Amino acid sequence: MNGSEPADGTRLFQRLRNVRDLAASGALARDEAYTGGRVAYEGALARLRDVMRRDLGVDRAVAL
């Protein structure tokens, strides 16, 4: 990661905020913009979890 890329936690927060903003603007769960934002958020969350597991030395299979 270089200095211009946000950290995983920052990226996750940005994705979550984007989904929140879509919902606040009236987007429905079935709207393409909302579902796309939700997929991006869930992907960022999964990556953050993987980074945290690596940092803690926990195998993913053990955590499930």
N, C-alpha and C. Protein backbone atom coordinates (compact mmCIF):
# COMPACT_ATOMS: atom_id res chain seq x y z
N MET A 1 0.85 -1.17 0.00
CA MET A 1 0.00 0.00 0.00
C MET A 1 0.90 1.23 0.00
N ASN A 2 0.56 2.22 -0.83
CA ASN A 2 1.34 3.45 -0.82
C ASN A 2 0.58 4.54 -0.08
N GLY A 3 1.18 5.69 0.07
CA GLY A 3 0.59 6.77 0.85
C GLY A 3 -0.70 7.32 0.30
N SER A 4 -1.01 7.09 -0.99
CA SER A 4 -2.23 7.63 -1.58
C SER A 4 -3.43 6.71 -1.43
N GLU A 5 -3.22 5.46 -0.98
CA GLU A 5 -4.32 4.51 -0.82
C GLU A 5 -4.80 4.52 0.63
N PRO A 6 -6.12 4.55 0.82
CA PRO A 6 -6.61 4.51 2.20
C PRO A 6 -6.38 3.16 2.84
N ALA A 7 -6.21 3.14 4.14
CA ALA A 7 -6.05 1.89 4.86
C ALA A 7 -7.34 1.08 4.76
N ASP A 8 -7.25 -0.23 5.02
CA ASP A 8 -8.43 -1.09 4.92
C ASP A 8 -9.57 -0.59 5.79
N GLY A 9 -9.29 -0.16 7.01
CA GLY A 9 -10.33 0.35 7.88
C GLY A 9 -10.99 1.59 7.33
N THR A 10 -10.20 2.47 6.74
CA THR A 10 -10.74 3.68 6.14
C THR A 10 -11.61 3.34 4.94
N ARG A 11 -11.15 2.42 4.12
CA ARG A 11 -11.91 2.00 2.94
C ARG A 11 -13.24 1.37 3.37
N LEU A 12 -13.19 0.55 4.40
CA LEU A 12 -14.41 -0.08 4.90
C LEU A 12 -15.40 0.98 5.37
N PHE A 13 -14.92 1.96 6.13
CA PHE A 13 -15.80 3.02 6.61
C PHE A 13 -16.41 3.80 5.45
N GLN A 14 -15.60 4.08 4.42
CA GLN A 14 -16.10 4.80 3.25
C GLN A 14 -17.20 4.01 2.56
N ARG A 15 -17.00 2.70 2.42
CA ARG A 15 -18.01 1.85 1.77
C ARG A 15 -19.31 1.83 2.59
N LEU A 16 -19.16 1.70 3.92
CA LEU A 16 -20.33 1.69 4.79
C LEU A 16 -21.07 3.02 4.72
N ARG A 17 -20.33 4.11 4.72
CA ARG A 17 -20.94 5.44 4.62
C ARG A 17 -21.67 5.60 3.31
N ASN A 18 -21.11 5.08 2.22
CA ASN A 18 -21.77 5.16 0.92
C ASN A 18 -23.10 4.42 0.93
N VAL A 19 -23.13 3.23 1.53
CA VAL A 19 -24.37 2.46 1.62
C VAL A 19 -25.37 3.21 2.49
N ARG A 20 -24.91 3.76 3.60
CA ARG A 20 -25.81 4.54 4.47
C ARG A 20 -26.40 5.73 3.73
N ASP A 21 -25.57 6.43 2.97
CA ASP A 21 -26.04 7.60 2.22
C ASP A 21 -27.07 7.21 1.16
N LEU A 22 -26.86 6.07 0.52
CA LEU A 22 -27.84 5.60 -0.47
C LEU A 22 -29.18 5.30 0.21
N ALA A 23 -29.12 4.63 1.35
CA ALA A 23 -30.35 4.32 2.07
C ALA A 23 -31.04 5.60 2.54
N ALA A 24 -30.26 6.57 3.01
CA ALA A 24 -30.84 7.82 3.48
C ALA A 24 -31.48 8.61 2.34
N SER A 25 -30.98 8.43 1.13
CA SER A 25 -31.53 9.15 -0.01
C SER A 25 -32.77 8.46 -0.59
N GLY A 26 -33.14 7.32 0.00
CA GLY A 26 -34.35 6.64 -0.43
C GLY A 26 -34.13 5.41 -1.29
N ALA A 27 -32.89 5.02 -1.50
CA ALA A 27 -32.62 3.82 -2.31
C ALA A 27 -33.20 2.60 -1.60
N LEU A 28 -33.76 1.72 -2.38
CA LEU A 28 -34.31 0.50 -1.84
C LEU A 28 -33.28 -0.62 -1.91
N ALA A 29 -33.46 -1.64 -1.09
CA ALA A 29 -32.50 -2.75 -1.04
C ALA A 29 -32.35 -3.43 -2.39
N ARG A 30 -33.36 -3.37 -3.23
CA ARG A 30 -33.28 -4.02 -4.55
C ARG A 30 -32.70 -3.10 -5.63
N ASP A 31 -32.47 -1.82 -5.32
CA ASP A 31 -31.89 -0.88 -6.28
C ASP A 31 -30.45 -1.27 -6.60
N GLU A 32 -30.09 -1.17 -7.87
CA GLU A 32 -28.75 -1.57 -8.30
C GLU A 32 -27.65 -0.81 -7.58
N ALA A 33 -27.83 0.48 -7.39
CA ALA A 33 -26.81 1.27 -6.69
C ALA A 33 -26.61 0.78 -5.27
N TYR A 34 -27.71 0.46 -4.60
CA TYR A 34 -27.61 -0.02 -3.21
C TYR A 34 -26.96 -1.39 -3.16
N THR A 35 -27.40 -2.30 -4.01
CA THR A 35 -26.84 -3.65 -3.97
C THR A 35 -25.36 -3.64 -4.34
N GLY A 36 -24.99 -2.80 -5.30
CA GLY A 36 -23.58 -2.68 -5.65
C GLY A 36 -22.76 -2.12 -4.51
N GLY A 37 -23.31 -1.12 -3.83
CA GLY A 37 -22.61 -0.55 -2.67
C GLY A 37 -22.50 -1.54 -1.55
N ARG A 38 -23.53 -2.32 -1.35
CA ARG A 38 -23.53 -3.33 -0.29
C ARG A 38 -22.49 -4.41 -0.59
N VAL A 39 -22.38 -4.81 -1.85
CA VAL A 39 -21.38 -5.81 -2.24
C VAL A 39 -19.97 -5.25 -2.00
N ALA A 40 -19.74 -3.99 -2.34
CA ALA A 40 -18.44 -3.36 -2.11
C ALA A 40 -18.12 -3.31 -0.62
N TYR A 41 -19.12 -2.96 0.20
CA TYR A 41 -18.94 -2.91 1.65
C TYR A 41 -18.60 -4.30 2.20
N GLU A 42 -19.36 -5.31 1.80
CA GLU A 42 -19.12 -6.65 2.31
C GLU A 42 -17.76 -7.18 1.88
N GLY A 43 -17.32 -6.83 0.66
CA GLY A 43 -15.99 -7.22 0.20
C GLY A 43 -14.90 -6.56 1.03
N ALA A 44 -15.06 -5.27 1.30
CA ALA A 44 -14.08 -4.55 2.12
C ALA A 44 -14.05 -5.12 3.53
N LEU A 45 -15.20 -5.47 4.08
CA LEU A 45 -15.26 -6.05 5.42
C LEU A 45 -14.55 -7.41 5.45
N ALA A 46 -14.75 -8.23 4.44
CA ALA A 46 -14.08 -9.53 4.38
C ALA A 46 -12.57 -9.36 4.30
N ARG A 47 -12.11 -8.40 3.50
CA ARG A 47 -10.66 -8.15 3.41
C ARG A 47 -10.10 -7.66 4.74
N LEU A 48 -10.83 -6.78 5.41
CA LEU A 48 -10.38 -6.28 6.71
C LEU A 48 -10.31 -7.42 7.73
N ARG A 49 -11.29 -8.29 7.72
CA ARG A 49 -11.25 -9.44 8.63
C ARG A 49 -10.04 -10.31 8.36
N ASP A 50 -9.74 -10.55 7.08
CA ASP A 50 -8.58 -11.37 6.73
C ASP A 50 -7.28 -10.73 7.22
N VAL A 51 -7.16 -9.42 7.07
CA VAL A 51 -5.96 -8.70 7.53
C VAL A 51 -5.85 -8.82 9.05
N MET A 52 -6.96 -8.65 9.74
CA MET A 52 -6.95 -8.75 11.20
C MET A 52 -6.56 -10.16 11.65
N ARG A 53 -7.07 -11.18 10.97
CA ARG A 53 -6.70 -12.56 11.31
C ARG A 53 -5.21 -12.80 11.11
N ARG A 54 -4.69 -12.29 9.98
CA ARG A 54 -3.25 -12.45 9.74
C ARG A 54 -2.44 -11.75 10.82
N ASP A 55 -2.85 -10.55 11.18
CA ASP A 55 -2.14 -9.79 12.23
C ASP A 55 -2.16 -10.54 13.56
N LEU A 56 -3.27 -11.21 13.84
CA LEU A 56 -3.42 -11.94 15.09
C LEU A 56 -2.87 -13.36 15.02
N GLY A 57 -2.52 -13.80 13.80
CA GLY A 57 -2.01 -15.15 13.62
C GLY A 57 -3.08 -16.22 13.78
N VAL A 58 -4.32 -15.88 13.43
CA VAL A 58 -5.43 -16.81 13.56
C VAL A 58 -5.78 -17.34 12.16
N ASP A 59 -5.88 -18.67 12.08
CA ASP A 59 -6.27 -19.30 10.83
C ASP A 59 -7.75 -19.07 10.60
N ARG A 60 -8.13 -18.75 9.37
CA ARG A 60 -9.54 -18.48 9.06
C ARG A 60 -10.43 -19.67 9.40
N ALA A 61 -9.96 -20.88 9.13
CA ALA A 61 -10.78 -22.06 9.41
C ALA A 61 -11.07 -22.18 10.90
N VAL A 62 -10.13 -21.78 11.74
CA VAL A 62 -10.33 -21.83 13.18
C VAL A 62 -11.35 -20.78 13.60
N ALA A 63 -11.33 -19.61 12.94
CA ALA A 63 -12.23 -18.51 13.30
C ALA A 63 -13.66 -18.79 12.90
N LEU A 64 -13.87 -19.66 11.93
CA LEU A 64 -15.24 -19.97 11.50
C LEU A 64 -15.78 -21.00 12.39
